[in-house]
């Protein structure tokens, strides 16, 4: 190591030590001045309590309380098909109209009075459009789908829908903070003149 290098190192080290000492002293002076200012003017601290913290917590509590009383009103659109499967019992009288000729071939007995009886067969066609009374007594299987298209109004109260305990718990989280803030003084005069 040369003599010139040995002289440069202590200078750099001494310069750094001097810088650190000045920075520490400067920081101490700034902090001391800020503490003095805070002690002499405590109004901003009390203003933060009365003008910011207390109203903010009261508004939060009111918002949570209002949330519990909130009703959600909406409409639900339904567009679906419902399967319908059942047996429909029919037991009634009705009239039917023939849409085509119906051939009838039936055995017949013709009485000729004292002259005897003729046994034979009658053959005829029932004409189209003939109205016939009939009795229905049967079970008709029904297997179909019914389209359902509608809008249903829905109203849900959040408190009764299960949100009540959660809302109470949220309000309970902020309640101790509100109580603590209420007990703190609102001004320097309350500290100096406690009641």
N, C-alpha and C. Protein backbone atom coordinates (compact mmCIF):
# COMPACT_ATOMS: atom_id res chain seq x y z
N UNK A 1 0.84 -1.17 0.00
CA UNK A 1 0.00 0.00 0.00
C UNK A 1 0.89 1.23 0.00
N UNK A 2 0.58 2.14 -0.86
CA UNK A 2 1.41 3.35 -0.94
C UNK A 2 0.99 4.33 0.14
N UNK A 3 1.81 5.25 0.35
CA UNK A 3 1.54 6.25 1.39
C UNK A 3 0.36 7.13 1.00
N UNK A 4 0.24 7.35 -0.28
CA UNK A 4 -0.87 8.18 -0.77
C UNK A 4 -2.22 7.48 -0.55
N UNK A 5 -2.28 6.14 -0.78
CA UNK A 5 -3.50 5.37 -0.58
C UNK A 5 -3.88 5.34 0.89
N UNK A 6 -2.91 5.20 1.74
CA UNK A 6 -3.17 5.16 3.18
C UNK A 6 -3.76 6.48 3.66
N UNK A 7 -3.35 7.59 3.07
CA UNK A 7 -3.88 8.89 3.49
C UNK A 7 -5.33 9.08 2.99
N UNK A 8 -5.68 8.52 1.83
CA UNK A 8 -7.02 8.69 1.26
C UNK A 8 -8.08 7.93 2.05
N UNK A 9 -7.76 6.73 2.53
CA UNK A 9 -8.75 5.93 3.25
C UNK A 9 -9.23 6.61 4.53
N UNK A 10 -8.38 7.10 5.39
CA UNK A 10 -8.90 7.75 6.59
C UNK A 10 -9.75 8.97 6.26
N UNK A 11 -9.42 9.70 5.20
CA UNK A 11 -10.23 10.87 4.85
C UNK A 11 -11.65 10.45 4.50
N UNK A 12 -11.76 9.41 3.67
CA UNK A 12 -13.09 8.93 3.29
C UNK A 12 -13.84 8.45 4.53
N UNK A 13 -13.21 7.74 5.40
CA UNK A 13 -13.83 7.24 6.62
C UNK A 13 -14.25 8.40 7.51
N UNK A 14 -13.43 9.41 7.65
CA UNK A 14 -13.75 10.58 8.47
C UNK A 14 -14.91 11.38 7.86
N UNK A 15 -14.95 11.45 6.53
CA UNK A 15 -16.05 12.16 5.88
C UNK A 15 -17.37 11.45 6.15
N UNK A 16 -17.38 10.13 6.05
CA UNK A 16 -18.60 9.34 6.31
C UNK A 16 -19.07 9.49 7.74
N UNK A 17 -18.15 9.47 8.68
CA UNK A 17 -18.50 9.64 10.09
C UNK A 17 -19.10 11.03 10.34
N UNK A 18 -18.55 12.02 9.69
CA UNK A 18 -19.07 13.37 9.86
C UNK A 18 -20.48 13.48 9.27
N UNK A 19 -20.70 12.86 8.11
CA UNK A 19 -22.03 12.88 7.49
C UNK A 19 -23.07 12.20 8.39
N UNK A 20 -22.71 11.04 8.95
CA UNK A 20 -23.62 10.32 9.84
C UNK A 20 -23.95 11.17 11.07
N UNK A 21 -22.97 11.79 11.63
CA UNK A 21 -23.21 12.62 12.83
C UNK A 21 -24.14 13.79 12.52
N UNK A 22 -23.94 14.42 11.36
CA UNK A 22 -24.80 15.55 10.98
C UNK A 22 -26.23 15.05 10.73
N UNK A 23 -26.39 13.90 10.05
CA UNK A 23 -27.72 13.35 9.76
C UNK A 23 -28.45 12.99 11.04
N UNK A 24 -27.75 12.40 12.00
CA UNK A 24 -28.36 12.04 13.27
C UNK A 24 -28.80 13.29 14.02
N UNK A 25 -27.94 14.29 14.05
CA UNK A 25 -28.27 15.54 14.74
C UNK A 25 -29.46 16.23 14.06
N UNK A 26 -29.47 16.26 12.74
CA UNK A 26 -30.58 16.86 12.00
C UNK A 26 -31.90 16.13 12.29
N UNK A 27 -31.86 14.80 12.25
CA UNK A 27 -33.05 14.01 12.54
C UNK A 27 -33.56 14.26 13.95
N UNK A 28 -32.65 14.34 14.90
CA UNK A 28 -33.04 14.59 16.28
C UNK A 28 -33.71 15.96 16.42
N UNK A 29 -33.16 16.98 15.76
CA UNK A 29 -33.72 18.33 15.85
C UNK A 29 -35.11 18.38 15.23
N UNK A 30 -35.28 17.74 14.05
CA UNK A 30 -36.58 17.74 13.38
C UNK A 30 -37.61 17.02 14.25
N UNK A 31 -37.27 15.87 14.77
CA UNK A 31 -38.20 15.12 15.64
C UNK A 31 -38.54 15.92 16.90
N UNK A 32 -37.55 16.58 17.49
CA UNK A 32 -37.78 17.37 18.70
C UNK A 32 -38.75 18.52 18.41
N UNK A 33 -38.54 19.20 17.28
CA UNK A 33 -39.41 20.32 16.90
C UNK A 33 -40.84 19.81 16.65
N UNK A 34 -40.99 18.67 15.97
CA UNK A 34 -42.33 18.12 15.71
C UNK A 34 -43.04 17.73 17.00
N UNK A 35 -42.31 17.16 17.93
CA UNK A 35 -42.92 16.78 19.21
C UNK A 35 -43.37 18.02 19.97
N UNK A 36 -42.56 19.06 19.95
CA UNK A 36 -42.93 20.32 20.63
C UNK A 36 -44.19 20.90 19.98
N UNK A 37 -44.24 20.88 18.64
CA UNK A 37 -45.41 21.42 17.94
C UNK A 37 -46.67 20.62 18.31
N UNK A 38 -46.55 19.29 18.34
CA UNK A 38 -47.70 18.46 18.71
C UNK A 38 -48.16 18.70 20.14
N UNK A 39 -47.19 18.90 21.03
CA UNK A 39 -47.56 19.15 22.43
C UNK A 39 -48.20 20.52 22.61
N UNK A 40 -47.75 21.49 21.83
CA UNK A 40 -48.29 22.84 21.97
C UNK A 40 -49.63 23.00 21.23
N UNK A 41 -49.86 22.21 20.18
CA UNK A 41 -51.11 22.33 19.44
C UNK A 41 -51.75 20.93 19.29
N UNK A 42 -52.41 20.45 20.34
CA UNK A 42 -53.02 19.12 20.27
C UNK A 42 -54.39 19.11 19.57
N UNK A 43 -54.87 20.29 19.12
CA UNK A 43 -56.18 20.36 18.49
C UNK A 43 -56.36 19.39 17.32
N UNK A 44 -55.35 19.20 16.44
CA UNK A 44 -55.55 18.25 15.33
C UNK A 44 -55.88 16.84 15.80
N UNK A 45 -55.29 16.42 16.93
CA UNK A 45 -55.60 15.09 17.44
C UNK A 45 -57.06 15.00 17.87
N UNK A 46 -57.55 16.02 18.56
CA UNK A 46 -58.94 16.01 19.02
C UNK A 46 -59.90 16.17 17.84
N UNK A 47 -59.47 16.97 16.84
CA UNK A 47 -60.30 17.12 15.65
C UNK A 47 -60.41 15.79 14.90
N UNK A 48 -59.32 15.05 14.86
CA UNK A 48 -59.36 13.74 14.20
C UNK A 48 -60.35 12.82 14.91
N UNK A 49 -60.43 12.93 16.24
CA UNK A 49 -61.36 12.10 16.99
C UNK A 49 -62.80 12.52 16.73
N UNK A 50 -63.08 13.82 16.93
CA UNK A 50 -64.47 14.29 16.85
C UNK A 50 -64.98 14.47 15.42
N UNK A 51 -64.09 14.84 14.50
CA UNK A 51 -64.53 15.14 13.14
C UNK A 51 -64.34 14.00 12.15
N UNK A 52 -63.49 13.03 12.49
CA UNK A 52 -63.22 11.96 11.53
C UNK A 52 -63.60 10.59 12.10
N UNK A 53 -62.95 10.21 13.20
CA UNK A 53 -63.11 8.84 13.71
C UNK A 53 -64.53 8.57 14.21
N UNK A 54 -65.06 9.44 15.07
CA UNK A 54 -66.40 9.19 15.62
C UNK A 54 -67.49 9.19 14.53
N UNK A 55 -67.53 10.20 13.62
CA UNK A 55 -68.55 10.15 12.56
C UNK A 55 -68.39 8.94 11.64
N UNK A 56 -67.14 8.57 11.36
CA UNK A 56 -66.90 7.42 10.49
C UNK A 56 -67.45 6.15 11.11
N UNK A 57 -67.17 5.92 12.39
CA UNK A 57 -67.66 4.72 13.07
C UNK A 57 -69.19 4.75 13.21
N UNK A 58 -69.75 5.93 13.47
CA UNK A 58 -71.22 6.04 13.56
C UNK A 58 -71.87 5.74 12.21
N UNK A 59 -71.27 6.24 11.14
CA UNK A 59 -71.80 5.96 9.80
C UNK A 59 -71.69 4.47 9.45
N UNK A 60 -70.57 3.85 9.83
CA UNK A 60 -70.42 2.41 9.59
C UNK A 60 -71.49 1.62 10.33
N UNK A 61 -71.73 1.98 11.60
CA UNK A 61 -72.73 1.27 12.39
C UNK A 61 -74.13 1.46 11.77
N UNK A 62 -74.43 2.68 11.35
CA UNK A 62 -75.73 2.95 10.73
C UNK A 62 -75.88 2.18 9.41
N UNK A 63 -74.78 2.08 8.66
CA UNK A 63 -74.83 1.35 7.39
C UNK A 63 -75.08 -0.14 7.64
N UNK A 64 -74.43 -0.70 8.66
CA UNK A 64 -74.65 -2.12 8.97
C UNK A 64 -76.08 -2.34 9.46
N UNK A 65 -76.60 -1.42 10.27
CA UNK A 65 -77.98 -1.55 10.76
C UNK A 65 -78.96 -1.48 9.59
N UNK A 66 -78.72 -0.55 8.65
CA UNK A 66 -79.59 -0.42 7.48
C UNK A 66 -79.50 -1.65 6.59
N UNK A 67 -78.32 -2.27 6.55
CA UNK A 67 -78.16 -3.48 5.74
C UNK A 67 -79.07 -4.59 6.26
N UNK A 68 -79.23 -4.67 7.57
CA UNK A 68 -80.11 -5.69 8.15
C UNK A 68 -81.57 -5.45 7.83
N UNK A 69 -81.95 -4.22 7.55
CA UNK A 69 -83.34 -3.89 7.24
C UNK A 69 -83.60 -3.82 5.74
N UNK A 70 -82.60 -4.14 4.94
CA UNK A 70 -82.71 -4.02 3.49
C UNK A 70 -83.54 -5.17 2.92
N UNK A 71 -84.40 -4.81 1.97
CA UNK A 71 -85.16 -5.80 1.21
C UNK A 71 -84.66 -5.78 -0.22
N UNK A 72 -84.34 -6.95 -0.74
CA UNK A 72 -83.96 -7.05 -2.15
C UNK A 72 -85.22 -7.38 -2.93
N UNK A 73 -85.56 -6.52 -3.87
CA UNK A 73 -86.73 -6.74 -4.70
C UNK A 73 -86.28 -6.91 -6.14
N UNK A 74 -86.67 -8.01 -6.74
CA UNK A 74 -86.29 -8.28 -8.12
C UNK A 74 -87.34 -9.19 -8.74
N UNK A 75 -87.18 -9.47 -10.01
CA UNK A 75 -88.05 -10.43 -10.67
C UNK A 75 -87.18 -11.55 -11.23
N UNK A 76 -87.69 -12.75 -11.10
CA UNK A 76 -86.99 -13.93 -11.61
C UNK A 76 -87.73 -14.40 -12.85
N UNK A 77 -87.01 -14.50 -13.96
CA UNK A 77 -87.60 -14.99 -15.20
C UNK A 77 -87.48 -16.50 -15.25
N UNK A 78 -88.61 -17.16 -15.54
CA UNK A 78 -88.63 -18.62 -15.64
C UNK A 78 -89.02 -18.98 -17.07
N UNK A 79 -88.19 -19.76 -17.71
CA UNK A 79 -88.45 -20.26 -19.06
C UNK A 79 -88.00 -21.72 -19.06
N UNK A 80 -88.95 -22.61 -18.82
CA UNK A 80 -88.61 -24.02 -18.62
C UNK A 80 -89.76 -24.90 -19.10
N UNK A 81 -89.51 -26.18 -19.14
CA UNK A 81 -90.56 -27.14 -19.45
C UNK A 81 -90.70 -28.10 -18.28
N UNK A 82 -91.94 -28.32 -17.85
CA UNK A 82 -92.22 -29.19 -16.72
C UNK A 82 -92.82 -30.49 -17.25
N UNK A 83 -92.25 -31.64 -16.89
CA UNK A 83 -92.86 -32.89 -17.33
C UNK A 83 -94.17 -33.15 -16.58
N UNK A 84 -95.18 -33.60 -17.32
CA UNK A 84 -96.49 -33.90 -16.74
C UNK A 84 -96.81 -35.36 -17.08
N UNK A 85 -96.86 -36.21 -16.05
CA UNK A 85 -97.14 -37.63 -16.24
C UNK A 85 -98.20 -38.05 -15.22
N UNK A 86 -99.38 -38.49 -15.70
CA UNK A 86 -100.43 -38.97 -14.81
C UNK A 86 -101.47 -39.72 -15.63
N UNK A 87 -102.38 -40.40 -14.93
CA UNK A 87 -103.51 -41.07 -15.57
C UNK A 87 -104.76 -40.23 -15.33
N UNK A 88 -105.46 -39.93 -16.42
CA UNK A 88 -106.66 -39.11 -16.34
C UNK A 88 -107.90 -40.02 -16.39
N UNK A 89 -108.63 -40.13 -15.27
CA UNK A 89 -109.83 -40.98 -15.30
C UNK A 89 -110.99 -40.24 -16.00
N UNK A 90 -111.64 -40.95 -16.92
CA UNK A 90 -112.80 -40.39 -17.63
C UNK A 90 -114.01 -41.26 -17.31
N UNK A 91 -115.08 -40.64 -16.86
CA UNK A 91 -116.33 -41.33 -16.58
C UNK A 91 -117.46 -40.35 -16.86
N UNK A 92 -117.85 -40.29 -18.13
CA UNK A 92 -118.87 -39.33 -18.52
C UNK A 92 -119.54 -39.76 -19.82
N UNK A 93 -120.66 -39.11 -20.10
CA UNK A 93 -121.38 -39.35 -21.36
C UNK A 93 -121.09 -38.20 -22.30
N UNK A 94 -120.99 -38.53 -23.59
CA UNK A 94 -120.72 -37.50 -24.58
C UNK A 94 -121.29 -37.96 -25.92
N UNK A 95 -121.23 -37.11 -26.90
CA UNK A 95 -121.67 -37.44 -28.25
C UNK A 95 -120.46 -37.44 -29.18
N UNK A 96 -120.44 -38.40 -30.09
CA UNK A 96 -119.38 -38.44 -31.09
C UNK A 96 -120.01 -38.37 -32.46
N UNK A 97 -119.26 -37.84 -33.43
CA UNK A 97 -119.74 -37.71 -34.81
C UNK A 97 -118.87 -38.62 -35.67
N UNK A 98 -119.50 -39.46 -36.46
CA UNK A 98 -118.76 -40.39 -37.31
C UNK A 98 -118.08 -39.61 -38.44
N UNK A 99 -116.84 -39.95 -38.71
CA UNK A 99 -116.09 -39.28 -39.78
C UNK A 99 -115.96 -40.19 -41.00
N UNK A 100 -116.39 -41.43 -40.86
CA UNK A 100 -116.45 -42.34 -42.01
C UNK A 100 -117.57 -43.34 -41.76
N UNK A 101 -117.97 -44.00 -42.82
CA UNK A 101 -119.06 -44.98 -42.69
C UNK A 101 -118.61 -46.13 -41.81
N UNK A 102 -119.56 -46.61 -40.99
CA UNK A 102 -119.28 -47.74 -40.10
C UNK A 102 -120.21 -48.88 -40.51
N UNK A 103 -119.64 -50.00 -41.05
CA UNK A 103 -120.50 -51.13 -41.43
C UNK A 103 -120.93 -51.91 -40.19
N UNK A 104 -122.20 -52.31 -40.16
CA UNK A 104 -122.74 -53.13 -39.08
C UNK A 104 -123.32 -54.40 -39.66
N UNK A 105 -122.93 -55.50 -39.09
CA UNK A 105 -123.51 -56.80 -39.45
C UNK A 105 -123.89 -57.44 -38.13
N UNK A 106 -125.21 -57.56 -37.86
CA UNK A 106 -125.70 -58.09 -36.60
C UNK A 106 -126.78 -59.14 -36.85
N UNK A 107 -126.82 -60.18 -36.00
CA UNK A 107 -127.91 -61.14 -36.14
C UNK A 107 -129.23 -60.50 -35.72
N UNK A 108 -130.31 -60.86 -36.35
CA UNK A 108 -131.62 -60.26 -36.05
C UNK A 108 -132.69 -61.35 -36.03
N UNK A 109 -133.71 -61.09 -35.24
CA UNK A 109 -134.87 -61.98 -35.17
C UNK A 109 -136.09 -61.16 -35.53
N UNK A 110 -136.84 -61.62 -36.51
CA UNK A 110 -138.04 -60.92 -36.94
C UNK A 110 -139.26 -61.77 -36.58
N UNK A 111 -140.13 -61.18 -35.81
CA UNK A 111 -141.35 -61.91 -35.40
C UNK A 111 -142.46 -61.58 -36.39
N UNK A 112 -143.11 -62.60 -36.93
CA UNK A 112 -144.21 -62.42 -37.87
C UNK A 112 -145.55 -62.67 -37.19
N UNK A 113 -145.55 -62.53 -35.91
CA UNK A 113 -146.78 -62.74 -35.16
C UNK A 113 -147.15 -64.21 -35.15
N UNK A 114 -148.44 -64.50 -35.44
CA UNK A 114 -148.87 -65.89 -35.39
C UNK A 114 -148.28 -66.73 -36.53
N UNK A 115 -147.60 -66.07 -37.45
CA UNK A 115 -147.10 -66.81 -38.61
C UNK A 115 -145.68 -67.28 -38.42
N UNK A 116 -145.09 -67.00 -37.31
CA UNK A 116 -143.75 -67.54 -37.05
C UNK A 116 -142.68 -66.48 -36.87
N UNK A 117 -141.46 -66.91 -36.91
CA UNK A 117 -140.30 -66.05 -36.67
C UNK A 117 -139.27 -66.30 -37.75
N UNK A 118 -138.61 -65.22 -38.17
CA UNK A 118 -137.53 -65.35 -39.16
C UNK A 118 -136.22 -64.97 -38.45
N UNK A 119 -135.28 -65.83 -38.59
CA UNK A 119 -133.95 -65.55 -38.04
C UNK A 119 -133.04 -65.20 -39.20
N UNK A 120 -132.30 -64.08 -39.03
CA UNK A 120 -131.44 -63.68 -40.13
C UNK A 120 -130.32 -62.75 -39.65
N UNK A 121 -129.73 -62.05 -40.58
CA UNK A 121 -128.63 -61.12 -40.31
C UNK A 121 -128.97 -59.79 -40.98
N UNK A 122 -128.76 -58.71 -40.24
CA UNK A 122 -128.98 -57.37 -40.80
C UNK A 122 -127.61 -56.78 -41.09
N UNK A 123 -127.48 -56.23 -42.27
CA UNK A 123 -126.23 -55.62 -42.69
C UNK A 123 -126.53 -54.20 -43.14
N UNK A 124 -125.85 -53.20 -42.52
CA UNK A 124 -126.07 -51.81 -42.92
C UNK A 124 -124.82 -50.98 -42.61
N UNK A 125 -124.78 -49.76 -43.13
CA UNK A 125 -123.66 -48.83 -42.90
C UNK A 125 -124.18 -47.59 -42.18
N UNK A 126 -123.51 -47.24 -41.07
CA UNK A 126 -123.85 -45.98 -40.41
C UNK A 126 -123.20 -44.86 -41.20
N UNK A 127 -123.95 -43.80 -41.57
CA UNK A 127 -123.42 -42.78 -42.48
C UNK A 127 -122.45 -41.81 -41.78
N UNK A 128 -121.60 -41.16 -42.58
CA UNK A 128 -120.67 -40.11 -42.11
C UNK A 128 -121.50 -38.95 -41.57
N UNK A 129 -121.10 -38.38 -40.43
CA UNK A 129 -121.78 -37.24 -39.84
C UNK A 129 -122.84 -37.63 -38.86
N UNK A 130 -123.09 -38.93 -38.70
CA UNK A 130 -124.10 -39.39 -37.75
C UNK A 130 -123.62 -39.14 -36.33
N UNK A 131 -124.46 -38.57 -35.47
CA UNK A 131 -124.12 -38.31 -34.07
C UNK A 131 -124.58 -39.49 -33.24
N UNK A 132 -123.61 -40.04 -32.46
CA UNK A 132 -123.92 -41.19 -31.61
C UNK A 132 -123.64 -40.82 -30.15
N UNK A 133 -124.57 -41.04 -29.24
CA UNK A 133 -124.29 -40.83 -27.81
C UNK A 133 -123.50 -42.03 -27.28
N UNK A 134 -122.45 -41.75 -26.52
CA UNK A 134 -121.64 -42.82 -25.94
C UNK A 134 -121.34 -42.50 -24.48
N UNK A 135 -120.97 -43.53 -23.72
CA UNK A 135 -120.54 -43.37 -22.32
C UNK A 135 -119.07 -43.73 -22.24
N UNK A 136 -118.26 -42.82 -21.69
CA UNK A 136 -116.82 -43.06 -21.53
C UNK A 136 -116.56 -43.47 -20.08
N UNK A 137 -115.87 -44.57 -19.91
CA UNK A 137 -115.46 -45.01 -18.58
C UNK A 137 -114.11 -45.68 -18.75
N UNK A 138 -113.03 -44.85 -18.65
CA UNK A 138 -111.68 -45.37 -18.88
C UNK A 138 -110.65 -44.45 -18.23
N UNK A 139 -109.41 -44.89 -18.24
CA UNK A 139 -108.29 -44.11 -17.71
C UNK A 139 -107.37 -43.78 -18.87
N UNK A 140 -107.10 -42.49 -19.07
CA UNK A 140 -106.27 -42.04 -20.19
C UNK A 140 -104.89 -41.67 -19.66
N UNK A 141 -103.82 -42.35 -20.11
CA UNK A 141 -102.47 -41.99 -19.66
C UNK A 141 -102.03 -40.68 -20.32
N UNK A 142 -101.49 -39.77 -19.52
CA UNK A 142 -100.98 -38.49 -20.01
C UNK A 142 -99.48 -38.46 -19.73
N UNK A 143 -98.69 -38.20 -20.76
CA UNK A 143 -97.23 -38.10 -20.63
C UNK A 143 -96.77 -37.03 -21.60
N UNK A 144 -96.55 -35.81 -21.07
CA UNK A 144 -96.18 -34.69 -21.93
C UNK A 144 -95.34 -33.70 -21.14
N UNK A 145 -94.95 -32.62 -21.76
CA UNK A 145 -94.27 -31.52 -21.08
C UNK A 145 -95.07 -30.25 -21.29
N UNK A 146 -95.06 -29.42 -20.28
CA UNK A 146 -95.80 -28.16 -20.34
C UNK A 146 -94.79 -27.02 -20.27
N UNK A 147 -94.77 -26.13 -21.26
CA UNK A 147 -93.85 -24.99 -21.18
C UNK A 147 -94.32 -24.00 -20.11
N UNK A 148 -93.36 -23.52 -19.31
CA UNK A 148 -93.65 -22.53 -18.27
C UNK A 148 -92.79 -21.31 -18.57
N UNK A 149 -93.41 -20.22 -18.94
CA UNK A 149 -92.72 -18.96 -19.22
C UNK A 149 -93.41 -17.88 -18.41
N UNK A 150 -92.69 -17.35 -17.41
CA UNK A 150 -93.29 -16.30 -16.58
C UNK A 150 -92.19 -15.54 -15.84
N UNK A 151 -92.56 -14.40 -15.29
CA UNK A 151 -91.68 -13.65 -14.40
C UNK A 151 -92.34 -13.63 -13.03
N UNK A 152 -91.53 -13.93 -12.02
CA UNK A 152 -92.04 -14.02 -10.65
C UNK A 152 -91.39 -12.92 -9.82
N UNK A 153 -92.18 -12.02 -9.20
CA UNK A 153 -91.58 -11.02 -8.32
C UNK A 153 -91.07 -11.68 -7.04
N UNK A 154 -89.84 -11.28 -6.62
CA UNK A 154 -89.21 -11.86 -5.43
C UNK A 154 -88.79 -10.72 -4.50
N UNK A 155 -89.08 -10.87 -3.22
CA UNK A 155 -88.65 -9.90 -2.21
C UNK A 155 -87.97 -10.67 -1.08
N UNK A 156 -86.70 -10.31 -0.82
CA UNK A 156 -85.91 -11.02 0.19
C UNK A 156 -85.45 -10.02 1.23
N UNK A 157 -85.80 -10.24 2.49
CA UNK A 157 -85.32 -9.43 3.60
C UNK A 157 -84.00 -10.05 4.07
N UNK A 158 -82.91 -9.26 4.02
CA UNK A 158 -81.59 -9.80 4.35
C UNK A 158 -81.51 -10.30 5.78
N UNK A 159 -82.21 -9.64 6.70
CA UNK A 159 -82.16 -10.05 8.10
C UNK A 159 -82.77 -11.43 8.29
N UNK A 160 -83.96 -11.63 7.73
CA UNK A 160 -84.63 -12.92 7.88
C UNK A 160 -84.08 -13.98 6.94
N UNK A 161 -83.31 -13.56 5.93
CA UNK A 161 -82.73 -14.53 4.99
C UNK A 161 -81.43 -15.12 5.50
N UNK A 162 -81.06 -14.82 6.75
CA UNK A 162 -79.86 -15.44 7.32
C UNK A 162 -78.70 -14.49 7.51
N UNK A 163 -78.84 -13.23 7.09
CA UNK A 163 -77.75 -12.27 7.24
C UNK A 163 -77.75 -11.60 8.61
N UNK A 164 -78.84 -11.76 9.38
CA UNK A 164 -78.97 -11.09 10.68
C UNK A 164 -77.80 -11.34 11.61
N UNK A 165 -77.39 -12.60 11.86
CA UNK A 165 -76.26 -12.84 12.76
C UNK A 165 -74.95 -12.22 12.28
N UNK A 166 -74.70 -12.27 10.98
CA UNK A 166 -73.46 -11.70 10.45
C UNK A 166 -73.45 -10.18 10.61
N UNK A 167 -74.60 -9.55 10.40
CA UNK A 167 -74.68 -8.10 10.55
C UNK A 167 -74.50 -7.70 12.02
N UNK A 168 -75.10 -8.46 12.93
CA UNK A 168 -74.93 -8.19 14.36
C UNK A 168 -73.46 -8.35 14.75
N UNK A 169 -72.80 -9.35 14.19
CA UNK A 169 -71.39 -9.57 14.49
C UNK A 169 -70.54 -8.42 13.95
N UNK A 170 -70.85 -7.93 12.75
CA UNK A 170 -70.11 -6.79 12.20
C UNK A 170 -70.28 -5.55 13.08
N UNK A 171 -71.50 -5.32 13.53
CA UNK A 171 -71.73 -4.16 14.40
C UNK A 171 -70.97 -4.33 15.72
N UNK A 172 -70.90 -5.57 16.21
CA UNK A 172 -70.19 -5.85 17.45
C UNK A 172 -68.69 -5.62 17.36
N UNK A 173 -68.13 -5.76 16.16
CA UNK A 173 -66.70 -5.53 15.97
C UNK A 173 -66.36 -4.07 16.23
N UNK A 174 -67.21 -3.16 15.76
CA UNK A 174 -66.91 -1.74 15.88
C UNK A 174 -67.44 -1.11 17.17
N UNK A 175 -68.30 -1.79 17.86
CA UNK A 175 -68.91 -1.24 19.08
C UNK A 175 -67.87 -0.91 20.16
N UNK A 176 -66.90 -1.80 20.47
CA UNK A 176 -65.90 -1.44 21.49
C UNK A 176 -65.06 -0.23 21.11
N UNK A 177 -64.76 -0.10 19.82
CA UNK A 177 -63.96 1.06 19.38
C UNK A 177 -64.77 2.34 19.58
N UNK A 178 -66.07 2.30 19.25
CA UNK A 178 -66.91 3.47 19.46
C UNK A 178 -66.97 3.85 20.94
N UNK A 179 -67.15 2.86 21.80
CA UNK A 179 -67.23 3.13 23.24
C UNK A 179 -65.93 3.75 23.75
N UNK A 180 -64.80 3.21 23.30
CA UNK A 180 -63.50 3.75 23.73
C UNK A 180 -63.34 5.18 23.26
N UNK A 181 -63.72 5.46 22.01
CA UNK A 181 -63.61 6.83 21.50
C UNK A 181 -64.52 7.79 22.26
N UNK A 182 -65.71 7.35 22.64
CA UNK A 182 -66.63 8.22 23.38
C UNK A 182 -66.05 8.60 24.74
N UNK A 183 -65.31 7.67 25.34
CA UNK A 183 -64.74 7.94 26.66
C UNK A 183 -63.51 8.84 26.61
N UNK A 184 -62.88 8.97 25.45
CA UNK A 184 -61.71 9.85 25.33
C UNK A 184 -62.17 11.31 25.34
N UNK A 185 -61.32 12.20 25.85
CA UNK A 185 -61.71 13.62 25.87
C UNK A 185 -61.80 14.20 24.46
N UNK A 186 -62.67 15.23 24.31
CA UNK A 186 -62.87 15.87 23.01
C UNK A 186 -62.00 17.10 22.82
N UNK A 187 -61.38 17.59 23.89
CA UNK A 187 -60.56 18.80 23.78
C UNK A 187 -59.52 18.80 24.90
N UNK A 188 -58.50 19.66 24.77
CA UNK A 188 -57.50 19.76 25.84
C UNK A 188 -58.12 20.25 27.16
N UNK A 189 -59.20 21.05 27.09
CA UNK A 189 -59.84 21.55 28.30
C UNK A 189 -60.40 20.40 29.13
N UNK A 190 -60.91 19.34 28.47
CA UNK A 190 -61.44 18.21 29.23
C UNK A 190 -60.33 17.47 29.95
N UNK A 191 -59.13 17.49 29.40
CA UNK A 191 -57.98 16.84 30.09
C UNK A 191 -57.57 17.66 31.31
N UNK A 192 -57.54 19.01 31.10
CA UNK A 192 -57.09 19.87 32.18
C UNK A 192 -58.15 20.04 33.27
N UNK A 193 -59.44 20.00 32.89
CA UNK A 193 -60.53 20.15 33.85
C UNK A 193 -61.43 18.92 33.82
N UNK A 194 -60.98 17.78 34.37
CA UNK A 194 -61.84 16.60 34.34
C UNK A 194 -63.05 16.80 35.24
N UNK A 195 -64.16 16.23 34.84
CA UNK A 195 -65.39 16.38 35.62
C UNK A 195 -65.67 15.14 36.44
